[in-house]
Amino acid sequence: SLLKWGEAAQGAQKWDVAIQQYKKFLAERDPERRTDNFEKGAFYINLA
């Protein structure tokens, strides 16, 4: 939900909120958990 929270904030043009949630997702995700998987290319483009 942190990743999607970031995407929603990006859609609302709340850029700093989006950056915060994207970074929080990276920090808290468990690479071994399937539901924490994400599309890395789109993620870093969105963050950029």
ModelCIF file with pLDDT and N, C-alpha, C, O atoms, coordinates in Angstrom:
data_MODEL
#
_entry.id   MODEL 
#
_entity.id                         1 
_entity.type                       polymer 
_entity.pdbx_number_of_molecules   1 
#
_entity_poly.entity_id                      1 
_entity_poly.type                           'polypeptide(L)' 
_entity_poly.nstd_linkage                   no 
_entity_poly.nstd_monomer                   no 
_entity_poly.pdbx_seq_one_letter_code       SLLKWGEAAQGAQKWDVAIQQYKKFLAERDPERRTDNFEKGAFYINLA 
_entity_poly.pdbx_seq_one_letter_code_can   SLLKWGEAAQGAQKWDVAIQQYKKFLAERDPERRTDNFEKGAFYINLA 
_entity_poly.pdbx_strand_id                 A 
#
loop_
_entity_poly_seq.entity_id 
_entity_poly_seq.num 
_entity_poly_seq.mon_id 
_entity_poly_seq.hetero 
1 1  SER n 
1 2  LEU n 
1 3  LEU n 
1 4  LYS n 
1 5  TRP n 
1 6  GLY n 
1 7  GLU n 
1 8  ALA n 
1 9  ALA n 
1 10 GLN n 
1 11 GLY n 
1 12 ALA n 
1 13 GLN n 
1 14 LYS n 
1 15 TRP n 
1 16 ASP n 
1 17 VAL n 
1 18 ALA n 
1 19 ILE n 
1 20 GLN n 
1 21 GLN n 
1 22 TYR n 
1 23 LYS n 
1 24 LYS n 
1 25 PHE n 
1 26 LEU n 
1 27 ALA n 
1 28 GLU n 
1 29 ARG n 
1 30 ASP n 
1 31 PRO n 
1 32 GLU n 
1 33 ARG n 
1 34 ARG n 
1 35 THR n 
1 36 ASP n 
1 37 ASN n 
1 38 PHE n 
1 39 GLU n 
1 40 LYS n 
1 41 GLY n 
1 42 ALA n 
1 43 PHE n 
1 44 TYR n 
1 45 ILE n 
1 46 ASN n 
1 47 LEU n 
1 48 ALA n 
#
_struct_asym.id          A 
_struct_asym.entity_id   1 
#
loop_
_ma_qa_metric.id 
_ma_qa_metric.mode 
_ma_qa_metric.name 
_ma_qa_metric.software_group_id 
_ma_qa_metric.type 
1 global pLDDT . pLDDT 
2 local  pLDDT . pLDDT 
#
_ma_qa_metric_global.metric_id      1 
_ma_qa_metric_global.metric_value   96.54 
_ma_qa_metric_global.model_id       1 
_ma_qa_metric_global.ordinal_id     1 
#
loop_
_ma_qa_metric_local.label_asym_id 
_ma_qa_metric_local.label_comp_id 
_ma_qa_metric_local.label_seq_id 
_ma_qa_metric_local.metric_id 
_ma_qa_metric_local.metric_value 
_ma_qa_metric_local.model_id 
_ma_qa_metric_local.ordinal_id 
A SER 1  2 98.00 1 1  
A LEU 2  2 98.00 1 2  
A LEU 3  2 98.00 1 3  
A LYS 4  2 98.00 1 4  
A TRP 5  2 98.00 1 5  
A GLY 6  2 98.00 1 6  
A GLU 7  2 98.00 1 7  
A ALA 8  2 98.00 1 8  
A ALA 9  2 98.00 1 9  
A GLN 10 2 98.00 1 10 
A GLY 11 2 98.00 1 11 
A ALA 12 2 98.00 1 12 
A GLN 13 2 98.00 1 13 
A LYS 14 2 98.00 1 14 
A TRP 15 2 98.00 1 15 
A ASP 16 2 98.00 1 16 
A VAL 17 2 98.00 1 17 
A ALA 18 2 98.00 1 18 
A ILE 19 2 98.00 1 19 
A GLN 20 2 98.00 1 20 
A GLN 21 2 98.00 1 21 
A TYR 22 2 98.00 1 22 
A LYS 23 2 98.00 1 23 
A LYS 24 2 98.00 1 24 
A PHE 25 2 98.00 1 25 
A LEU 26 2 97.00 1 26 
A ALA 27 2 97.00 1 27 
A GLU 28 2 96.00 1 28 
A ARG 29 2 95.00 1 29 
A ASP 30 2 93.00 1 30 
A PRO 31 2 92.00 1 31 
A GLU 32 2 90.00 1 32 
A ARG 33 2 90.00 1 33 
A ARG 34 2 90.00 1 34 
A THR 35 2 90.00 1 35 
A ASP 36 2 93.00 1 36 
A ASN 37 2 94.00 1 37 
A PHE 38 2 95.00 1 38 
A GLU 39 2 95.00 1 39 
A LYS 40 2 97.00 1 40 
A GLY 41 2 96.00 1 41 
A ALA 42 2 96.00 1 42 
A PHE 43 2 98.00 1 43 
A TYR 44 2 98.00 1 44 
A ILE 45 2 98.00 1 45 
A ASN 46 2 98.00 1 46 
A LEU 47 2 98.00 1 47 
A ALA 48 2 98.00 1 48 
#
loop_
_atom_site.group_PDB 
_atom_site.id 
_atom_site.type_symbol 
_atom_site.label_atom_id 
_atom_site.label_alt_id 
_atom_site.label_comp_id 
_atom_site.label_asym_id 
_atom_site.label_entity_id 
_atom_site.label_seq_id 
_atom_site.pdbx_PDB_ins_code 
_atom_site.Cartn_x 
_atom_site.Cartn_y 
_atom_site.Cartn_z 
_atom_site.occupancy 
_atom_site.B_iso_or_equiv 
_atom_site.pdbx_formal_charge 
_atom_site.auth_seq_id 
_atom_site.auth_comp_id 
_atom_site.auth_asym_id 
_atom_site.auth_atom_id 
_atom_site.pdbx_PDB_model_num 
ATOM 1   N N  . SER A 1 1  ? 0.832  -1.210  0.000   1.00 98.00 ? 1  SER A N  1 
ATOM 2   C CA . SER A 1 1  ? 0.000  0.000   0.000   1.00 98.00 ? 1  SER A CA 1 
ATOM 3   C C  . SER A 1 1  ? 0.864  1.257   0.000   1.00 98.00 ? 1  SER A C  1 
ATOM 4   O O  . SER A 1 1  ? 0.413  2.305   -0.461  1.00 98.00 ? 1  SER A O  1 
ATOM 5   N N  . LEU A 1 2  ? 2.095  1.177   0.506   1.00 98.00 ? 2  LEU A N  1 
ATOM 6   C CA . LEU A 1 2  ? 3.003  2.329   0.462   1.00 98.00 ? 2  LEU A CA 1 
ATOM 7   C C  . LEU A 1 2  ? 3.350  2.683   -0.980  1.00 98.00 ? 2  LEU A C  1 
ATOM 8   O O  . LEU A 1 2  ? 3.376  3.856   -1.352  1.00 98.00 ? 2  LEU A O  1 
ATOM 9   N N  . LEU A 1 3  ? 3.615  1.656   -1.789  1.00 98.00 ? 3  LEU A N  1 
ATOM 10  C CA . LEU A 1 3  ? 3.928  1.882   -3.204  1.00 98.00 ? 3  LEU A CA 1 
ATOM 11  C C  . LEU A 1 3  ? 2.761  2.551   -3.921  1.00 98.00 ? 3  LEU A C  1 
ATOM 12  O O  . LEU A 1 3  ? 2.949  3.519   -4.657  1.00 98.00 ? 3  LEU A O  1 
ATOM 13  N N  . LYS A 1 4  ? 1.558  2.032   -3.703  1.00 98.00 ? 4  LYS A N  1 
ATOM 14  C CA . LYS A 1 4  ? 0.383  2.591   -4.363  1.00 98.00 ? 4  LYS A CA 1 
ATOM 15  C C  . LYS A 1 4  ? 0.015  3.949   -3.780  1.00 98.00 ? 4  LYS A C  1 
ATOM 16  O O  . LYS A 1 4  ? -0.515 4.802   -4.493  1.00 98.00 ? 4  LYS A O  1 
ATOM 17  N N  . TRP A 1 5  ? 0.283  4.159   -2.519  1.00 98.00 ? 5  TRP A N  1 
ATOM 18  C CA . TRP A 1 5  ? 0.101  5.473   -1.894  1.00 98.00 ? 5  TRP A CA 1 
ATOM 19  C C  . TRP A 1 5  ? 0.978  6.482   -2.634  1.00 98.00 ? 5  TRP A C  1 
ATOM 20  O O  . TRP A 1 5  ? 0.540  7.595   -2.926  1.00 98.00 ? 5  TRP A O  1 
ATOM 21  N N  . GLY A 1 6  ? 2.204  6.094   -2.931  1.00 98.00 ? 6  GLY A N  1 
ATOM 22  C CA . GLY A 1 6  ? 3.095  6.965   -3.685  1.00 98.00 ? 6  GLY A CA 1 
ATOM 23  C C  . GLY A 1 6  ? 2.556  7.255   -5.073  1.00 98.00 ? 6  GLY A C  1 
ATOM 24  O O  . GLY A 1 6  ? 2.611  8.396   -5.532  1.00 98.00 ? 6  GLY A O  1 
ATOM 25  N N  . GLU A 1 7  ? 2.029  6.230   -5.755  1.00 98.00 ? 7  GLU A N  1 
ATOM 26  C CA . GLU A 1 7  ? 1.476  6.439   -7.090  1.00 98.00 ? 7  GLU A CA 1 
ATOM 27  C C  . GLU A 1 7  ? 0.271  7.371   -7.053  1.00 98.00 ? 7  GLU A C  1 
ATOM 28  O O  . GLU A 1 7  ? 0.104  8.218   -7.930  1.00 98.00 ? 7  GLU A O  1 
ATOM 29  N N  . ALA A 1 8  ? -0.571 7.208   -6.024  1.00 98.00 ? 8  ALA A N  1 
ATOM 30  C CA . ALA A 1 8  ? -1.742 8.083   -5.894  1.00 98.00 ? 8  ALA A CA 1 
ATOM 31  C C  . ALA A 1 8  ? -1.313 9.525   -5.630  1.00 98.00 ? 8  ALA A C  1 
ATOM 32  O O  . ALA A 1 8  ? -1.884 10.461  -6.190  1.00 98.00 ? 8  ALA A O  1 
ATOM 33  N N  . ALA A 1 9  ? -0.303 9.700   -4.772  1.00 98.00 ? 9  ALA A N  1 
ATOM 34  C CA . ALA A 1 9  ? 0.200  11.046  -4.485  1.00 98.00 ? 9  ALA A CA 1 
ATOM 35  C C  . ALA A 1 9  ? 0.815  11.660  -5.739  1.00 98.00 ? 9  ALA A C  1 
ATOM 36  O O  . ALA A 1 9  ? 0.673  12.861  -5.971  1.00 98.00 ? 9  ALA A O  1 
ATOM 37  N N  . GLN A 1 10 ? 1.497  10.852  -6.550  1.00 98.00 ? 10 GLN A N  1 
ATOM 38  C CA . GLN A 1 10 ? 2.053  11.349  -7.805  1.00 98.00 ? 10 GLN A CA 1 
ATOM 39  C C  . GLN A 1 10 ? 0.942  11.791  -8.738  1.00 98.00 ? 10 GLN A C  1 
ATOM 40  O O  . GLN A 1 10 ? 1.050  12.833  -9.385  1.00 98.00 ? 10 GLN A O  1 
ATOM 41  N N  . GLY A 1 11 ? -0.125 11.009  -8.812  1.00 98.00 ? 11 GLY A N  1 
ATOM 42  C CA . GLY A 1 11 ? -1.262 11.386  -9.640  1.00 98.00 ? 11 GLY A CA 1 
ATOM 43  C C  . GLY A 1 11 ? -1.901 12.687  -9.185  1.00 98.00 ? 11 GLY A C  1 
ATOM 44  O O  . GLY A 1 11 ? -2.408 13.459  -9.998  1.00 98.00 ? 11 GLY A O  1 
ATOM 45  N N  . ALA A 1 12 ? -1.871 12.926  -7.866  1.00 98.00 ? 12 ALA A N  1 
ATOM 46  C CA . ALA A 1 12 ? -2.432 14.160  -7.299  1.00 98.00 ? 12 ALA A CA 1 
ATOM 47  C C  . ALA A 1 12 ? -1.418 15.306  -7.331  1.00 98.00 ? 12 ALA A C  1 
ATOM 48  O O  . ALA A 1 12 ? -1.696 16.397  -6.835  1.00 98.00 ? 12 ALA A O  1 
ATOM 49  N N  . GLN A 1 13 ? -0.237 15.055  -7.917  1.00 98.00 ? 13 GLN A N  1 
ATOM 50  C CA . GLN A 1 13 ? 0.846  16.035  -8.020  1.00 98.00 ? 13 GLN A CA 1 
ATOM 51  C C  . GLN A 1 13 ? 1.345  16.485  -6.647  1.00 98.00 ? 13 GLN A C  1 
ATOM 52  O O  . GLN A 1 13 ? 1.767  17.628  -6.470  1.00 98.00 ? 13 GLN A O  1 
ATOM 53  N N  . LYS A 1 14 ? 1.290  15.585  -5.699  1.00 98.00 ? 14 LYS A N  1 
ATOM 54  C CA . LYS A 1 14 ? 1.889  15.814  -4.380  1.00 98.00 ? 14 LYS A CA 1 
ATOM 55  C C  . LYS A 1 14 ? 3.261  15.147  -4.404  1.00 98.00 ? 14 LYS A C  1 
ATOM 56  O O  . LYS A 1 14 ? 3.457  14.065  -3.851  1.00 98.00 ? 14 LYS A O  1 
ATOM 57  N N  . TRP A 1 15 ? 4.189  15.812  -5.052  1.00 98.00 ? 15 TRP A N  1 
ATOM 58  C CA . TRP A 1 15 ? 5.466  15.188  -5.402  1.00 98.00 ? 15 TRP A CA 1 
ATOM 59  C C  . TRP A 1 15 ? 6.261  14.752  -4.174  1.00 98.00 ? 15 TRP A C  1 
ATOM 60  O O  . TRP A 1 15 ? 6.793  13.642  -4.151  1.00 98.00 ? 15 TRP A O  1 
ATOM 61  N N  . ASP A 1 16 ? 6.352  15.599  -3.158  1.00 98.00 ? 16 ASP A N  1 
ATOM 62  C CA . ASP A 1 16 ? 7.144  15.258  -1.978  1.00 98.00 ? 16 ASP A CA 1 
ATOM 63  C C  . ASP A 1 16 ? 6.541  14.091  -1.214  1.00 98.00 ? 16 ASP A C  1 
ATOM 64  O O  . ASP A 1 16 ? 7.268  13.248  -0.687  1.00 98.00 ? 16 ASP A O  1 
ATOM 65  N N  . VAL A 1 17 ? 5.212  14.038  -1.152  1.00 98.00 ? 17 VAL A N  1 
ATOM 66  C CA . VAL A 1 17 ? 4.548  12.904  -0.498  1.00 98.00 ? 17 VAL A CA 1 
ATOM 67  C C  . VAL A 1 17 ? 4.841  11.628  -1.265  1.00 98.00 ? 17 VAL A C  1 
ATOM 68  O O  . VAL A 1 17 ? 5.121  10.589  -0.667  1.00 98.00 ? 17 VAL A O  1 
ATOM 69  N N  . ALA A 1 18 ? 4.778  11.702  -2.577  1.00 98.00 ? 18 ALA A N  1 
ATOM 70  C CA . ALA A 1 18 ? 5.054  10.531  -3.407  1.00 98.00 ? 18 ALA A CA 1 
ATOM 71  C C  . ALA A 1 18 ? 6.475  10.035  -3.182  1.00 98.00 ? 18 ALA A C  1 
ATOM 72  O O  . ALA A 1 18 ? 6.694  8.837   -3.006  1.00 98.00 ? 18 ALA A O  1 
ATOM 73  N N  . ILE A 1 19 ? 7.439  10.946  -3.186  1.00 98.00 ? 19 ILE A N  1 
ATOM 74  C CA . ILE A 1 19 ? 8.835  10.566  -2.960  1.00 98.00 ? 19 ILE A CA 1 
ATOM 75  C C  . ILE A 1 19 ? 8.987  9.888   -1.603  1.00 98.00 ? 19 ILE A C  1 
ATOM 76  O O  . ILE A 1 19 ? 9.666  8.868   -1.482  1.00 98.00 ? 19 ILE A O  1 
ATOM 77  N N  . GLN A 1 20 ? 8.353  10.461  -0.586  1.00 98.00 ? 20 GLN A N  1 
ATOM 78  C CA . GLN A 1 20 ? 8.438  9.915   0.764   1.00 98.00 ? 20 GLN A CA 1 
ATOM 79  C C  . GLN A 1 20 ? 7.894  8.481   0.816   1.00 98.00 ? 20 GLN A C  1 
ATOM 80  O O  . GLN A 1 20 ? 8.516  7.601   1.410   1.00 98.00 ? 20 GLN A O  1 
ATOM 81  N N  . GLN A 1 21 ? 6.737  8.251   0.196   1.00 98.00 ? 21 GLN A N  1 
ATOM 82  C CA . GLN A 1 21 ? 6.123  6.928   0.259   1.00 98.00 ? 21 GLN A CA 1 
ATOM 83  C C  . GLN A 1 21 ? 6.882  5.909   -0.596  1.00 98.00 ? 21 GLN A C  1 
ATOM 84  O O  . GLN A 1 21 ? 6.997  4.744   -0.216  1.00 98.00 ? 21 GLN A O  1 
ATOM 85  N N  . TYR A 1 22 ? 7.397  6.342   -1.741  1.00 98.00 ? 22 TYR A N  1 
ATOM 86  C CA . TYR A 1 22 ? 8.204  5.435   -2.555  1.00 98.00 ? 22 TYR A CA 1 
ATOM 87  C C  . TYR A 1 22 ? 9.441  4.975   -1.775  1.00 98.00 ? 22 TYR A C  1 
ATOM 88  O O  . TYR A 1 22 ? 9.775  3.790   -1.779  1.00 98.00 ? 22 TYR A O  1 
ATOM 89  N N  . LYS A 1 23 ? 10.108 5.901   -1.116  1.00 98.00 ? 23 LYS A N  1 
ATOM 90  C CA . LYS A 1 23 ? 11.310 5.551   -0.362  1.00 98.00 ? 23 LYS A CA 1 
ATOM 91  C C  . LYS A 1 23 ? 10.965 4.680   0.845   1.00 98.00 ? 23 LYS A C  1 
ATOM 92  O O  . LYS A 1 23 ? 11.715 3.769   1.196   1.00 98.00 ? 23 LYS A O  1 
ATOM 93  N N  . LYS A 1 24 ? 9.839  4.962   1.466   1.00 98.00 ? 24 LYS A N  1 
ATOM 94  C CA . LYS A 1 24 ? 9.402  4.161   2.610   1.00 98.00 ? 24 LYS A CA 1 
ATOM 95  C C  . LYS A 1 24 ? 9.097  2.724   2.176   1.00 98.00 ? 24 LYS A C  1 
ATOM 96  O O  . LYS A 1 24 ? 9.403  1.771   2.893   1.00 98.00 ? 24 LYS A O  1 
ATOM 97  N N  . PHE A 1 25 ? 8.495  2.583   1.002   1.00 98.00 ? 25 PHE A N  1 
ATOM 98  C CA . PHE A 1 25 ? 8.218  1.250   0.474   1.00 98.00 ? 25 PHE A CA 1 
ATOM 99  C C  . PHE A 1 25 ? 9.522  0.480   0.269   1.00 98.00 ? 25 PHE A C  1 
ATOM 100 O O  . PHE A 1 25 ? 9.620  -0.686  0.650   1.00 98.00 ? 25 PHE A O  1 
ATOM 101 N N  . LEU A 1 26 ? 10.524 1.127   -0.329  1.00 97.00 ? 26 LEU A N  1 
ATOM 102 C CA . LEU A 1 26 ? 11.806 0.458   -0.552  1.00 97.00 ? 26 LEU A CA 1 
ATOM 103 C C  . LEU A 1 26 ? 12.441 0.017   0.764   1.00 97.00 ? 26 LEU A C  1 
ATOM 104 O O  . LEU A 1 26 ? 13.022 -1.064  0.853   1.00 97.00 ? 26 LEU A O  1 
ATOM 105 N N  . ALA A 1 27 ? 12.321 0.868   1.782   1.00 97.00 ? 27 ALA A N  1 
ATOM 106 C CA . ALA A 1 27 ? 12.942 0.575   3.061   1.00 97.00 ? 27 ALA A CA 1 
ATOM 107 C C  . ALA A 1 27 ? 12.242 -0.561  3.812   1.00 97.00 ? 27 ALA A C  1 
ATOM 108 O O  . ALA A 1 27 ? 12.889 -1.311  4.543   1.00 97.00 ? 27 ALA A O  1 
ATOM 109 N N  . GLU A 1 28 ? 10.923 -0.691  3.635   1.00 96.00 ? 28 GLU A N  1 
ATOM 110 C CA . GLU A 1 28 ? 10.155 -1.634  4.448   1.00 96.00 ? 28 GLU A CA 1 
ATOM 111 C C  . GLU A 1 28 ? 9.790  -2.931  3.734   1.00 96.00 ? 28 GLU A C  1 
ATOM 112 O O  . GLU A 1 28 ? 9.408  -3.900  4.390   1.00 96.00 ? 28 GLU A O  1 
ATOM 113 N N  . ARG A 1 29 ? 9.899  -2.972  2.410   1.00 95.00 ? 29 ARG A N  1 
ATOM 114 C CA . ARG A 1 29 ? 9.479  -4.168  1.685   1.00 95.00 ? 29 ARG A CA 1 
ATOM 115 C C  . ARG A 1 29 ? 10.357 -5.368  2.022   1.00 95.00 ? 29 ARG A C  1 
ATOM 116 O O  . ARG A 1 29 ? 11.532 -5.230  2.363   1.00 95.00 ? 29 ARG A O  1 
ATOM 117 N N  . ASP A 1 30 ? 9.761  -6.526  1.919   1.00 93.00 ? 30 ASP A N  1 
ATOM 118 C CA . ASP A 1 30 ? 10.473 -7.786  2.114   1.00 93.00 ? 30 ASP A CA 1 
ATOM 119 C C  . ASP A 1 30 ? 10.671 -8.421  0.748   1.00 93.00 ? 30 ASP A C  1 
ATOM 120 O O  . ASP A 1 30 ? 9.699  -8.865  0.138   1.00 93.00 ? 30 ASP A O  1 
ATOM 121 N N  . PRO A 1 31 ? 11.914 -8.480  0.243   1.00 92.00 ? 31 PRO A N  1 
ATOM 122 C CA . PRO A 1 31 ? 12.149 -9.031  -1.096  1.00 92.00 ? 31 PRO A CA 1 
ATOM 123 C C  . PRO A 1 31 ? 11.685 -10.473 -1.246  1.00 92.00 ? 31 PRO A C  1 
ATOM 124 O O  . PRO A 1 31 ? 11.469 -10.943 -2.363  1.00 92.00 ? 31 PRO A O  1 
ATOM 125 N N  . GLU A 1 32 ? 11.531 -11.175 -0.130  1.00 90.00 ? 32 GLU A N  1 
ATOM 126 C CA . GLU A 1 32 ? 11.116 -12.571 -0.187  1.00 90.00 ? 32 GLU A CA 1 
ATOM 127 C C  . GLU A 1 32 ? 9.601  -12.731 -0.248  1.00 90.00 ? 32 GLU A C  1 
ATOM 128 O O  . GLU A 1 32 ? 9.101  -13.823 -0.522  1.00 90.00 ? 32 GLU A O  1 
ATOM 129 N N  . ARG A 1 33 ? 8.868  -11.647 0.005   1.00 90.00 ? 33 ARG A N  1 
ATOM 130 C CA . ARG A 1 33 ? 7.409  -11.731 0.030   1.00 90.00 ? 33 ARG A CA 1 
ATOM 131 C C  . ARG A 1 33 ? 6.861  -11.374 -1.348  1.00 90.00 ? 33 ARG A C  1 
ATOM 132 O O  . ARG A 1 33 ? 7.165  -10.310 -1.886  1.00 90.00 ? 33 ARG A O  1 
ATOM 133 N N  . ARG A 1 34 ? 6.059  -12.258 -1.911  1.00 90.00 ? 34 ARG A N  1 
ATOM 134 C CA . ARG A 1 34 ? 5.583  -12.069 -3.284  1.00 90.00 ? 34 ARG A CA 1 
ATOM 135 C C  . ARG A 1 34 ? 4.733  -10.818 -3.436  1.00 90.00 ? 34 ARG A C  1 
ATOM 136 O O  . ARG A 1 34 ? 4.797  -10.154 -4.471  1.00 90.00 ? 34 ARG A O  1 
ATOM 137 N N  . THR A 1 35 ? 3.942  -10.484 -2.433  1.00 90.00 ? 35 THR A N  1 
ATOM 138 C CA . THR A 1 35 ? 3.081  -9.301  -2.544  1.00 90.00 ? 35 THR A CA 1 
ATOM 139 C C  . THR A 1 35 ? 3.878  -8.004  -2.463  1.00 90.00 ? 35 THR A C  1 
ATOM 140 O O  . THR A 1 35 ? 3.326  -6.933  -2.718  1.00 90.00 ? 35 THR A O  1 
ATOM 141 N N  . ASP A 1 36 ? 5.164  -8.072  -2.115  1.00 93.00 ? 36 ASP A N  1 
ATOM 142 C CA . ASP A 1 36 ? 6.006  -6.874  -2.082  1.00 93.00 ? 36 ASP A CA 1 
ATOM 143 C C  . ASP A 1 36 ? 6.785  -6.690  -3.380  1.00 93.00 ? 36 ASP A C  1 
ATOM 144 O O  . ASP A 1 36 ? 7.592  -5.767  -3.492  1.00 93.00 ? 36 ASP A O  1 
ATOM 145 N N  . ASN A 1 37 ? 6.549  -7.562  -4.364  1.00 94.00 ? 37 ASN A N  1 
ATOM 146 C CA . ASN A 1 37 ? 7.214  -7.403  -5.659  1.00 94.00 ? 37 ASN A CA 1 
ATOM 147 C C  . ASN A 1 37 ? 6.703  -6.146  -6.370  1.00 94.00 ? 37 ASN A C  1 
ATOM 148 O O  . ASN A 1 37 ? 5.578  -5.707  -6.131  1.00 94.00 ? 37 ASN A O  1 
ATOM 149 N N  . PHE A 1 38 ? 7.529  -5.574  -7.238  1.00 95.00 ? 38 PHE A N  1 
ATOM 150 C CA . PHE A 1 38 ? 7.130  -4.368  -7.959  1.00 95.00 ? 38 PHE A CA 1 
ATOM 151 C C  . PHE A 1 38 ? 7.896  -4.279  -9.266  1.00 95.00 ? 38 PHE A C  1 
ATOM 152 O O  . PHE A 1 38 ? 8.934  -4.917  -9.436  1.00 95.00 ? 38 PHE A O  1 
ATOM 153 N N  . GLU A 1 39 ? 7.368  -3.475  -10.192 1.00 95.00 ? 39 GLU A N  1 
ATOM 154 C CA . GLU A 1 39 ? 8.020  -3.273  -11.482 1.00 95.00 ? 39 GLU A CA 1 
ATOM 155 C C  . GLU A 1 39 ? 9.097  -2.205  -11.320 1.00 95.00 ? 39 GLU A C  1 
ATOM 156 O O  . GLU A 1 39 ? 8.794  -1.016  -11.207 1.00 95.00 ? 39 GLU A O  1 
ATOM 157 N N  . LYS A 1 40 ? 10.333 -2.633  -11.308 1.00 97.00 ? 40 LYS A N  1 
ATOM 158 C CA . LYS A 1 40 ? 11.443 -1.737  -10.954 1.00 97.00 ? 40 LYS A CA 1 
ATOM 159 C C  . LYS A 1 40 ? 11.628 -0.611  -11.968 1.00 97.00 ? 40 LYS A C  1 
ATOM 160 O O  . LYS A 1 40 ? 11.906 0.525   -11.583 1.00 97.00 ? 40 LYS A O  1 
ATOM 161 N N  . GLY A 1 41 ? 11.477 -0.911  -13.261 1.00 96.00 ? 41 GLY A N  1 
ATOM 162 C CA . GLY A 1 41 ? 11.652 0.137   -14.270 1.00 96.00 ? 41 GLY A CA 1 
ATOM 163 C C  . GLY A 1 41 ? 10.677 1.276   -14.063 1.00 96.00 ? 41 GLY A C  1 
ATOM 164 O O  . GLY A 1 41 ? 11.076 2.440   -14.019 1.00 96.00 ? 41 GLY A O  1 
ATOM 165 N N  . ALA A 1 42 ? 9.398  0.949   -13.935 1.00 96.00 ? 42 ALA A N  1 
ATOM 166 C CA . ALA A 1 42 ? 8.371  1.972   -13.724 1.00 96.00 ? 42 ALA A CA 1 
ATOM 167 C C  . ALA A 1 42 ? 8.599  2.702   -12.407 1.00 96.00 ? 42 ALA A C  1 
ATOM 168 O O  . ALA A 1 42 ? 8.378  3.909   -12.314 1.00 96.00 ? 42 ALA A O  1 
ATOM 169 N N  . PHE A 1 43 ? 9.038  1.974   -11.395 1.00 98.00 ? 43 PHE A N  1 
ATOM 170 C CA . PHE A 1 43 ? 9.244  2.579   -10.077 1.00 98.00 ? 43 PHE A CA 1 
ATOM 171 C C  . PHE A 1 43 ? 10.287 3.694   -10.141 1.00 98.00 ? 43 PHE A C  1 
ATOM 172 O O  . PHE A 1 43 ? 10.038 4.807   -9.676  1.00 98.00 ? 43 PHE A O  1 
ATOM 173 N N  . TYR A 1 44 ? 11.448 3.400   -10.713 1.00 98.00 ? 44 TYR A N  1 
ATOM 174 C CA . TYR A 1 44 ? 12.524 4.403   -10.735 1.00 98.00 ? 44 TYR A CA 1 
ATOM 175 C C  . TYR A 1 44 ? 12.210 5.553   -11.699 1.00 98.00 ? 44 TYR A C  1 
ATOM 176 O O  . TYR A 1 44 ? 12.641 6.684   -11.476 1.00 98.00 ? 44 TYR A O  1 
ATOM 177 N N  . ILE A 1 45 ? 11.465 5.267   -12.762 1.00 98.00 ? 45 ILE A N  1 
ATOM 178 C CA . ILE A 1 45 ? 11.030 6.351   -13.639 1.00 98.00 ? 45 ILE A CA 1 
ATOM 179 C C  . ILE A 1 45 ? 10.081 7.276   -12.878 1.00 98.00 ? 45 ILE A C  1 
ATOM 180 O O  . ILE A 1 45 ? 10.224 8.497   -12.943 1.00 98.00 ? 45 ILE A O  1 
ATOM 181 N N  . ASN A 1 46 ? 9.110  6.702   -12.153 1.00 98.00 ? 46 ASN A N  1 
ATOM 182 C CA . ASN A 1 46 ? 8.177  7.517   -11.372 1.00 98.00 ? 46 ASN A CA 1 
ATOM 183 C C  . ASN A 1 46 ? 8.902  8.335   -10.313 1.00 98.00 ? 46 ASN A C  1 
ATOM 184 O O  . ASN A 1 46 ? 8.587  9.505   -10.095 1.00 98.00 ? 46 ASN A O  1 
ATOM 185 N N  . LEU A 1 47 ? 9.869  7.715   -9.664  1.00 98.00 ? 47 LEU A N  1 
ATOM 186 C CA . LEU A 1 47 ? 10.634 8.431   -8.642  1.00 98.00 ? 47 LEU A CA 1 
ATOM 187 C C  . LEU A 1 47 ? 11.417 9.582   -9.270  1.00 98.00 ? 47 LEU A C  1 
ATOM 188 O O  . LEU A 1 47 ? 11.520 10.661  -8.686  1.00 98.00 ? 47 LEU A O  1 
ATOM 189 N N  . ALA A 1 48 ? 11.968 9.347   -10.460 1.00 98.00 ? 48 ALA A N  1 
ATOM 190 C CA . ALA A 1 48 ? 12.693 10.409  -11.165 1.00 98.00 ? 48 ALA A CA 1 
ATOM 191 C C  . ALA A 1 48 ? 11.755 11.555  -11.532 1.00 98.00 ? 48 ALA A C  1 
ATOM 192 O O  . ALA A 1 48 ? 12.187 12.540  -12.131 1.00 98.00 ? 48 ALA A O  1 
#
